[in-house]
Amino acid sequence: MTKPHSLIVLTALVTLAGLACAQQTTVTATVAVMNGKKTKARDASNVVIWLTPTDGTVISPLPAAQSFLRPRLVQKDKSFEPHVLVVPVGSLVQFPNRDPFFHNVFSLFEGKRFDLGLYEAGSTRDVLFDKPGISYIFCNIHAEMSAVVIALNTPYYGISDRRGQVLIPGVTPGRYAMRVWYEGALPDTLSMMTKEITVSGGSSTFGLLRIPAANPPQEHKNLYGRDYTPPSPANPTYVHP
């Protein structure tokens, strides 16, 4: 291939790439978590909104599951950080223990089912989230610990901040199914919020989405389906903070 011809091909590829980027849209929304018909919760964080194509729209490639910055759910001060984690399907999520005592992370509900067993301070276990789904994460020793991992097969998602602001960048214009998840909402409520939307060029907004909050979730059982036993100082899996 001659140099002039190579230059023409390269220029065409760069132009096409530029057009593709120019067509991508930033989608925004505001969510309000409602404690009753008229009362808004002060904290509207951790509402997840995602888009999946319905008309054959070609989406951008999913982020590589082998990313150097692996997603992680850190155990610290008897809690998980972050509380809600959204990852692409195929992601290997790290569960590092940053507490000075043992943890036993598990999930037996929807999404990925696993039991990491007991592991000590300073160590890390990994879980491969190889299919779409919502996984509710707990610790078999500390009942107060909980988190949620949502594995998606679309790169178009956003998580609300405390003010309820959601930002989904780089969306290709087209028709999508918009889905919403919030831990404090009933499944039927979230199902009714699913709808088809059209994303056009430039910018697009869903406006205000009101999410009715249900009653606080009931206490969960441990790994074996039983009530949690209060920790004892004589138990080698527990150390007083």
C-alpha atoms as a PDB file:
ATOM      1  CA  MET A   1       0.000   0.000   0.000  1.00  0.00           C
ATOM      2  CA  THR A   2       1.432   3.394  -1.017  1.00  0.00           C
ATOM      3  CA  LYS A   3       1.932   6.162   1.520  1.00  0.00           C
ATOM      4  CA  PRO A   4      -0.726   8.503   0.000  1.00  0.00           C
ATOM      5  CA  HIS A   5      -3.281   5.669  -0.009  1.00  0.00           C
ATOM      6  CA  SER A   6      -2.399   4.730   3.592  1.00  0.00           C
ATOM      7  CA  LEU A   7      -2.850   8.347   4.637  1.00  0.00           C
ATOM      8  CA  ILE A   8      -6.288   8.467   3.007  1.00  0.00           C
ATOM      9  CA  VAL A   9      -7.399   5.287   4.785  1.00  0.00           C
ATOM     10  CA  LEU A  10      -6.076   6.532   8.126  1.00  0.00           C
ATOM     11  CA  THR A  11      -7.823   9.878   7.679  1.00  0.00           C
ATOM     12  CA  ALA A  12     -11.108   8.103   6.889  1.00  0.00           C
ATOM     13  CA  LEU A  13     -10.836   5.931   9.995  1.00  0.00           C
ATOM     14  CA  VAL A  14     -10.118   8.922  12.210  1.00  0.00           C
ATOM     15  CA  THR A  15     -13.068  10.770  10.686  1.00  0.00           C
ATOM     16  CA  LEU A  16     -15.413   7.827  11.287  1.00  0.00           C
ATOM     17  CA  ALA A  17     -14.201   7.521  14.882  1.00  0.00           C
ATOM     18  CA  GLY A  18     -14.797  11.221  15.396  1.00  0.00           C
ATOM     19  CA  LEU A  19     -18.324  10.958  14.004  1.00  0.00           C
ATOM     20  CA  ALA A  20     -19.076   8.011  16.280  1.00  0.00           C
ATOM     21  CA  CYS A  21     -17.916   9.983  19.319  1.00  0.00           C
ATOM     22  CA  ALA A  22     -19.892  13.032  18.179  1.00  0.00           C
ATOM     23  CA  GLN A  23     -23.067  10.932  18.038  1.00  0.00           C
ATOM     24  CA  GLN A  24     -22.741   9.735  21.620  1.00  0.00           C
ATOM     25  CA  THR A  25     -25.113  11.307  24.093  1.00  0.00           C
ATOM     26  CA  THR A  26     -25.005  12.076  27.801  1.00  0.00           C
ATOM     27  CA  VAL A  27     -28.215  10.977  29.493  1.00  0.00           C
ATOM     28  CA  THR A  28     -29.226  12.561  32.797  1.00  0.00           C
ATOM     29  CA  ALA A  29     -31.967  12.042  35.350  1.00  0.00           C
ATOM     30  CA  THR A  30     -32.983  13.123  38.829  1.00  0.00           C
ATOM     31  CA  VAL A  31     -34.444  10.611  41.261  1.00  0.00           C
ATOM     32  CA  ALA A  32     -36.484  11.328  44.353  1.00  0.00           C
ATOM     33  CA  VAL A  33     -36.930   8.619  46.983  1.00  0.00           C
ATOM     34  CA  MET A  34     -40.391   9.134  48.457  1.00  0.00           C
ATOM     35  CA  ASN A  35     -41.171   8.288  52.096  1.00  0.00           C
ATOM     36  CA  GLY A  36     -44.899   8.650  51.592  1.00  0.00           C
ATOM     37  CA  LYS A  37     -46.762  10.611  48.926  1.00  0.00           C
ATOM     38  CA  LYS A  38     -45.192  14.008  49.618  1.00  0.00           C
ATOM     39  CA  THR A  39     -42.082  13.444  51.753  1.00  0.00           C
ATOM     40  CA  LYS A  40     -38.704  13.134  50.029  1.00  0.00           C
ATOM     41  CA  ALA A  41     -35.823  11.286  51.642  1.00  0.00           C
ATOM     42  CA  ARG A  42     -32.800  13.501  52.278  1.00  0.00           C
ATOM     43  CA  ASP A  43     -30.457  10.896  50.858  1.00  0.00           C
ATOM     44  CA  ALA A  44     -31.358   9.726  47.328  1.00  0.00           C
ATOM     45  CA  SER A  45     -28.077   7.914  46.662  1.00  0.00           C
ATOM     46  CA  ASN A  46     -27.533   4.399  45.302  1.00  0.00           C
ATOM     47  CA  VAL A  47     -30.388   4.372  42.806  1.00  0.00           C
ATOM     48  CA  VAL A  48     -29.143   2.535  39.700  1.00  0.00           C
ATOM     49  CA  ILE A  49     -30.475   3.259  36.208  1.00  0.00           C
ATOM     50  CA  TRP A  50     -29.336   1.312  33.148  1.00  0.00           C
ATOM     51  CA  LEU A  51     -30.204   1.131  29.443  1.00  0.00           C
ATOM     52  CA  THR A  52     -30.357  -1.936  27.176  1.00  0.00           C
ATOM     53  CA  PRO A  53     -30.987  -1.627  23.392  1.00  0.00           C
ATOM     54  CA  THR A  54     -34.368  -2.731  22.020  1.00  0.00           C
ATOM     55  CA  ASP A  55     -33.916  -1.945  18.314  1.00  0.00           C
ATOM     56  CA  GLY A  56     -30.577  -3.516  17.435  1.00  0.00           C
ATOM     57  CA  THR A  57     -28.620  -0.397  18.389  1.00  0.00           C
ATOM     58  CA  VAL A  58     -24.919  -1.244  18.477  1.00  0.00           C
ATOM     59  CA  ILE A  59     -23.585  -0.363  21.914  1.00  0.00           C
ATOM     60  CA  SER A  60     -20.040   0.574  22.781  1.00  0.00           C
ATOM     61  CA  PRO A  61     -17.815  -2.310  23.862  1.00  0.00           C
ATOM     62  CA  LEU A  62     -18.084  -3.288  27.510  1.00  0.00           C
ATOM     63  CA  PRO A  63     -15.075  -2.342  29.645  1.00  0.00           C
ATOM     64  CA  ALA A  64     -12.516  -5.133  29.766  1.00  0.00           C
ATOM     65  CA  ALA A  65     -13.096  -7.473  32.685  1.00  0.00           C
ATOM     66  CA  GLN A  66      -9.288  -7.698  33.047  1.00  0.00           C
ATOM     67  CA  SER A  67      -8.991  -3.977  33.788  1.00  0.00           C
ATOM     68  CA  PHE A  68      -5.966  -2.951  35.840  1.00  0.00           C
ATOM     69  CA  LEU A  69      -8.347  -1.189  38.232  1.00  0.00           C
ATOM     70  CA  ARG A  70     -10.302  -4.199  39.405  1.00  0.00           C
ATOM     71  CA  PRO A  71     -13.591  -3.453  41.166  1.00  0.00           C
ATOM     72  CA  ARG A  72     -13.510  -4.151  44.871  1.00  0.00           C
ATOM     73  CA  LEU A  73     -15.876  -4.381  47.815  1.00  0.00           C
ATOM     74  CA  VAL A  74     -13.787  -3.516  50.855  1.00  0.00           C
ATOM     75  CA  GLN A  75     -14.630  -4.808  54.332  1.00  0.00           C
ATOM     76  CA  LYS A  76     -13.768  -2.119  56.856  1.00  0.00           C
ATOM     77  CA  ASP A  77     -15.245  -1.206  60.247  1.00  0.00           C
ATOM     78  CA  LYS A  78     -17.778  -4.038  59.904  1.00  0.00           C
ATOM     79  CA  SER A  79     -19.228  -2.616  56.711  1.00  0.00           C
ATOM     80  CA  PHE A  80     -18.802  -2.931  52.950  1.00  0.00           C
ATOM     81  CA  GLU A  81     -17.506  -0.026  50.899  1.00  0.00           C
ATOM     82  CA  PRO A  82     -19.144   0.851  48.580  1.00  0.00           C
ATOM     83  CA  HIS A  83     -22.568  -0.368  49.605  1.00  0.00           C
ATOM     84  CA  VAL A  84     -23.709  -0.649  45.964  1.00  0.00           C
ATOM     85  CA  LEU A  85     -21.280  -1.754  43.253  1.00  0.00           C
ATOM     86  CA  VAL A  86     -22.157  -1.987  39.528  1.00  0.00           C
ATOM     87  CA  VAL A  87     -19.822  -4.014  37.289  1.00  0.00           C
ATOM     88  CA  PRO A  88     -19.806  -5.388  33.722  1.00  0.00           C
ATOM     89  CA  VAL A  89     -20.620  -9.074  33.352  1.00  0.00           C
ATOM     90  CA  GLY A  90     -17.344 -11.023  33.441  1.00  0.00           C
ATOM     91  CA  SER A  91     -15.781  -8.830  36.138  1.00  0.00           C
ATOM     92  CA  LEU A  92     -13.578 -10.336  38.830  1.00  0.00           C
ATOM     93  CA  VAL A  93     -14.481  -8.457  42.015  1.00  0.00           C
ATOM     94  CA  GLN A  94     -12.037  -8.338  44.919  1.00  0.00           C
ATOM     95  CA  PHE A  95     -13.240  -8.664  48.532  1.00  0.00           C
ATOM     96  CA  PRO A  96     -10.309  -7.430  50.672  1.00  0.00           C
ATOM     97  CA  ASN A  97     -10.575  -7.710  54.461  1.00  0.00           C
ATOM     98  CA  ARG A  98      -9.304  -4.471  56.035  1.00  0.00           C
ATOM     99  CA  ASP A  99     -10.638  -5.255  59.512  1.00  0.00           C
ATOM    100  CA  PRO A 100      -8.480  -6.715  62.325  1.00  0.00           C
ATOM    101  CA  PHE A 101     -10.664  -9.839  62.505  1.00  0.00           C
ATOM    102  CA  PHE A 102     -12.157 -12.571  60.316  1.00  0.00           C
ATOM    103  CA  HIS A 103     -14.993 -12.201  57.817  1.00  0.00           C
ATOM    104  CA  ASN A 104     -17.061 -14.762  55.913  1.00  0.00           C
ATOM    105  CA  VAL A 105     -18.630 -13.119  52.857  1.00  0.00           C
ATOM    106  CA  PHE A 106     -21.481 -14.937  51.135  1.00  0.00           C
ATOM    107  CA  SER A 107     -24.436 -14.509  48.792  1.00  0.00           C
ATOM    108  CA  LEU A 108     -27.228 -17.087  48.510  1.00  0.00           C
ATOM    109  CA  PHE A 109     -29.970 -15.099  46.847  1.00  0.00           C
ATOM    110  CA  GLU A 110     -30.419 -13.683  43.350  1.00  0.00           C
ATOM    111  CA  GLY A 111     -27.473 -13.217  41.024  1.00  0.00           C
ATOM    112  CA  LYS A 112     -24.189 -14.863  41.949  1.00  0.00           C
ATOM    113  CA  ARG A 113     -24.273 -17.504  44.703  1.00  0.00           C
ATOM    114  CA  PHE A 114     -21.026 -17.999  46.632  1.00  0.00           C
ATOM    115  CA  ASP A 115     -19.445 -18.570  50.031  1.00  0.00           C
ATOM    116  CA  LEU A 116     -15.886 -17.249  50.522  1.00  0.00           C
ATOM    117  CA  GLY A 117     -15.403 -18.986  53.862  1.00  0.00           C
ATOM    118  CA  LEU A 118     -13.469 -17.517  56.775  1.00  0.00           C
ATOM    119  CA  TYR A 119     -10.515 -15.325  55.840  1.00  0.00           C
ATOM    120  CA  GLU A 120      -8.291 -13.242  58.043  1.00  0.00           C
ATOM    121  CA  ALA A 121      -7.331  -9.589  58.239  1.00  0.00           C
ATOM    122  CA  GLY A 122      -5.201  -8.365  55.353  1.00  0.00           C
ATOM    123  CA  SER A 123      -6.247 -11.121  52.951  1.00  0.00           C
ATOM    124  CA  THR A 124      -8.409 -10.921  49.823  1.00  0.00           C
ATOM    125  CA  ARG A 125     -10.821 -13.244  48.054  1.00  0.00           C
ATOM    126  CA  ASP A 126     -12.137 -12.862  44.479  1.00  0.00           C
ATOM    127  CA  VAL A 127     -15.513 -13.622  42.887  1.00  0.00           C
ATOM    128  CA  LEU A 128     -16.223 -13.804  39.143  1.00  0.00           C
ATOM    129  CA  PHE A 129     -19.599 -12.277  38.291  1.00  0.00           C
ATOM    130  CA  ASP A 130     -20.149 -14.192  35.067  1.00  0.00           C
ATOM    131  CA  LYS A 131     -23.833 -13.515  34.410  1.00  0.00           C
ATOM    132  CA  PRO A 132     -26.228 -10.566  34.688  1.00  0.00           C
ATOM    133  CA  GLY A 133     -28.005 -10.239  37.995  1.00  0.00           C
ATOM    134  CA  ILE A 134     -28.339  -8.566  41.376  1.00  0.00           C
ATOM    135  CA  SER A 135     -26.372 -10.191  44.200  1.00  0.00           C
ATOM    136  CA  TYR A 136     -27.102  -9.409  47.846  1.00  0.00           C
ATOM    137  CA  ILE A 137     -23.901  -9.734  49.864  1.00  0.00           C
ATOM    138  CA  PHE A 138     -23.620 -10.480  53.602  1.00  0.00           C
ATOM    139  CA  CYS A 139     -21.111 -11.601  56.210  1.00  0.00           C
ATOM    140  CA  ASN A 140     -21.825 -14.805  58.091  1.00  0.00           C
ATOM    141  CA  ILE A 141     -20.241 -13.405  61.278  1.00  0.00           C
ATOM    142  CA  HIS A 142     -21.479  -9.805  61.394  1.00  0.00           C
ATOM    143  CA  ALA A 143     -25.216  -9.451  60.738  1.00  0.00           C
ATOM    144  CA  GLU A 144     -24.976  -5.684  60.266  1.00  0.00           C
ATOM    145  CA  MET A 145     -22.863  -6.034  57.118  1.00  0.00           C
ATOM    146  CA  SER A 146     -24.609  -5.940  53.738  1.00  0.00           C
ATOM    147  CA  ALA A 147     -23.920  -4.790  50.198  1.00  0.00           C
ATOM    148  CA  VAL A 148     -25.237  -5.235  46.664  1.00  0.00           C
ATOM    149  CA  VAL A 149     -23.347  -6.101  43.467  1.00  0.00           C
ATOM    150  CA  ILE A 150     -25.191  -5.546  40.176  1.00  0.00           C
ATOM    151  CA  ALA A 151     -23.649  -7.209  37.106  1.00  0.00           C
ATOM    152  CA  LEU A 152     -24.842  -5.737  33.798  1.00  0.00           C
ATOM    153  CA  ASN A 153     -24.321  -6.602  30.137  1.00  0.00           C
ATOM    154  CA  THR A 154     -24.532  -2.955  29.102  1.00  0.00           C
ATOM    155  CA  PRO A 155     -22.043  -0.124  29.675  1.00  0.00           C
ATOM    156  CA  TYR A 156     -24.868   2.424  29.899  1.00  0.00           C
ATOM    157  CA  TYR A 157     -25.631   2.863  33.592  1.00  0.00           C
ATOM    158  CA  GLY A 158     -25.427   5.450  36.329  1.00  0.00           C
ATOM    159  CA  ILE A 159     -25.700   5.561  40.132  1.00  0.00           C
ATOM    160  CA  SER A 160     -27.383   8.475  41.869  1.00  0.00           C
ATOM    161  CA  ASP A 161     -25.594  10.709  44.344  1.00  0.00           C
ATOM    162  CA  ARG A 162     -27.140  11.981  47.584  1.00  0.00           C
ATOM    163  CA  ARG A 163     -29.019  14.697  45.667  1.00  0.00           C
ATOM    164  CA  GLY A 164     -30.488  12.123  43.301  1.00  0.00           C
ATOM    165  CA  GLN A 165     -28.452  13.186  40.267  1.00  0.00           C
ATOM    166  CA  VAL A 166     -27.728  10.423  37.713  1.00  0.00           C
ATOM    167  CA  LEU A 167     -25.331  10.740  34.766  1.00  0.00           C
ATOM    168  CA  ILE A 168     -24.951   8.149  31.974  1.00  0.00           C
ATOM    169  CA  PRO A 169     -22.253   9.283  29.500  1.00  0.00           C
ATOM    170  CA  GLY A 170     -21.396   8.031  26.010  1.00  0.00           C
ATOM    171  CA  VAL A 171     -24.789   6.586  25.035  1.00  0.00           C
ATOM    172  CA  THR A 172     -25.322   5.780  21.342  1.00  0.00           C
ATOM    173  CA  PRO A 173     -28.618   7.285  20.057  1.00  0.00           C
ATOM    174  CA  GLY A 174     -31.376   4.691  19.668  1.00  0.00           C
ATOM    175  CA  ARG A 175     -34.230   2.898  21.430  1.00  0.00           C
ATOM    176  CA  TYR A 176     -33.592   1.462  24.887  1.00  0.00           C
ATOM    177  CA  ALA A 177     -35.328  -0.232  27.757  1.00  0.00           C
ATOM    178  CA  MET A 178     -34.711   1.852  30.862  1.00  0.00           C
ATOM    179  CA  ARG A 179     -34.559  -0.108  34.111  1.00  0.00           C
ATOM    180  CA  VAL A 180     -34.339   1.188  37.664  1.00  0.00           C
ATOM    181  CA  TRP A 181     -33.165  -0.471  40.862  1.00  0.00           C
ATOM    182  CA  TYR A 182     -33.287   0.778  44.438  1.00  0.00           C
ATOM    183  CA  GLU A 183     -32.717  -1.370  47.495  1.00  0.00           C
ATOM    184  CA  GLY A 184     -35.563   0.174  49.455  1.00  0.00           C
ATOM    185  CA  ALA A 185     -38.215  -0.278  46.736  1.00  0.00           C
ATOM    186  CA  LEU A 186     -40.483  -3.254  46.156  1.00  0.00           C
ATOM    187  CA  PRO A 187     -39.740  -5.440  43.093  1.00  0.00           C
ATOM    188  CA  ASP A 188     -43.212  -4.766  41.646  1.00  0.00           C
ATOM    189  CA  THR A 189     -42.647  -1.019  41.951  1.00  0.00           C
ATOM    190  CA  LEU A 190     -39.336  -1.245  40.096  1.00  0.00           C
ATOM    191  CA  SER A 191     -40.847  -3.486  37.422  1.00  0.00           C
ATOM    192  CA  MET A 192     -43.538  -0.894  36.708  1.00  0.00           C
ATOM    193  CA  MET A 193     -40.849   1.764  36.245  1.00  0.00           C
ATOM    194  CA  THR A 194     -39.297  -0.138  33.318  1.00  0.00           C
ATOM    195  CA  LYS A 195     -40.104   1.631  30.053  1.00  0.00           C
ATOM    196  CA  GLU A 196     -38.855   2.170  26.518  1.00  0.00           C
ATOM    197  CA  ILE A 197     -37.121   5.458  25.816  1.00  0.00           C
ATOM    198  CA  THR A 198     -35.504   7.111  22.812  1.00  0.00           C
ATOM    199  CA  VAL A 199     -32.056   8.644  23.114  1.00  0.00           C
ATOM    200  CA  SER A 200     -31.289  11.276  20.484  1.00  0.00           C
ATOM    201  CA  GLY A 201     -28.132  13.215  19.700  1.00  0.00           C
ATOM    202  CA  GLY A 202     -26.710  15.944  21.921  1.00  0.00           C
ATOM    203  CA  SER A 203     -28.119  15.428  25.389  1.00  0.00           C
ATOM    204  CA  SER A 204     -31.148  13.661  26.781  1.00  0.00           C
ATOM    205  CA  THR A 205     -32.893  13.663  30.139  1.00  0.00           C
ATOM    206  CA  PHE A 206     -35.430  11.448  31.870  1.00  0.00           C
ATOM    207  CA  GLY A 207     -36.517  14.330  34.074  1.00  0.00           C
ATOM    208  CA  LEU A 208     -37.634  13.509  37.626  1.00  0.00           C
ATOM    209  CA  LEU A 209     -38.199   9.877  38.623  1.00  0.00           C
ATOM    210  CA  ARG A 210     -40.078   9.326  41.887  1.00  0.00           C
ATOM    211  CA  ILE A 211     -39.363   6.038  43.658  1.00  0.00           C
ATOM    212  CA  PRO A 212     -41.696   4.999  46.491  1.00  0.00           C
ATOM    213  CA  ALA A 213     -39.676   3.535  49.352  1.00  0.00           C
ATOM    214  CA  ALA A 214     -41.052   0.456  51.076  1.00  0.00           C
ATOM    215  CA  ASN A 215     -40.681  -0.523  54.709  1.00  0.00           C
ATOM    216  CA  PRO A 216     -37.122  -1.280  55.921  1.00  0.00           C
ATOM    217  CA  PRO A 217     -35.969  -4.770  54.881  1.00  0.00           C
ATOM    218  CA  GLN A 218     -36.405  -7.568  57.363  1.00  0.00           C
ATOM    219  CA  GLU A 219     -33.406  -9.028  59.151  1.00  0.00           C
ATOM    220  CA  HIS A 220     -31.657 -11.643  57.033  1.00  0.00           C
ATOM    221  CA  LYS A 221     -30.545 -15.095  58.084  1.00  0.00           C
ATOM    222  CA  ASN A 222     -26.974 -16.334  58.184  1.00  0.00           C
ATOM    223  CA  LEU A 223     -25.242 -18.631  55.702  1.00  0.00           C
ATOM    224  CA  TYR A 224     -27.094 -21.650  57.092  1.00  0.00           C
ATOM    225  CA  GLY A 225     -30.557 -20.067  57.125  1.00  0.00           C
ATOM    226  CA  ARG A 226     -30.512 -19.476  60.883  1.00  0.00           C
ATOM    227  CA  ASP A 227     -30.597 -16.430  63.141  1.00  0.00           C
ATOM    228  CA  TYR A 228     -27.253 -14.830  63.926  1.00  0.00           C
ATOM    229  CA  THR A 229     -25.621 -15.706  67.248  1.00  0.00           C
ATOM    230  CA  PRO A 230     -24.239 -12.725  69.204  1.00  0.00           C
ATOM    231  CA  PRO A 231     -20.428 -12.712  68.951  1.00  0.00           C
ATOM    232  CA  SER A 232     -18.413 -13.892  71.908  1.00  0.00           C
ATOM    233  CA  PRO A 233     -14.911 -12.710  72.889  1.00  0.00           C
ATOM    234  CA  ALA A 234     -13.961 -16.384  73.246  1.00  0.00           C
ATOM    235  CA  ASN A 235     -14.788 -17.004  69.606  1.00  0.00           C
ATOM    236  CA  PRO A 236     -11.534 -16.950  67.573  1.00  0.00           C
ATOM    237  CA  THR A 237     -13.387 -15.506  64.572  1.00  0.00           C
ATOM    238  CA  TYR A 238     -14.162 -12.294  66.446  1.00  0.00           C
ATOM    239  CA  VAL A 239     -11.994  -9.648  68.077  1.00  0.00           C
ATOM    240  CA  HIS A 240     -13.250  -6.636  69.979  1.00  0.00           C
ATOM    241  CA  PRO A 241     -12.597  -3.450  67.980  1.00  0.00           C
END
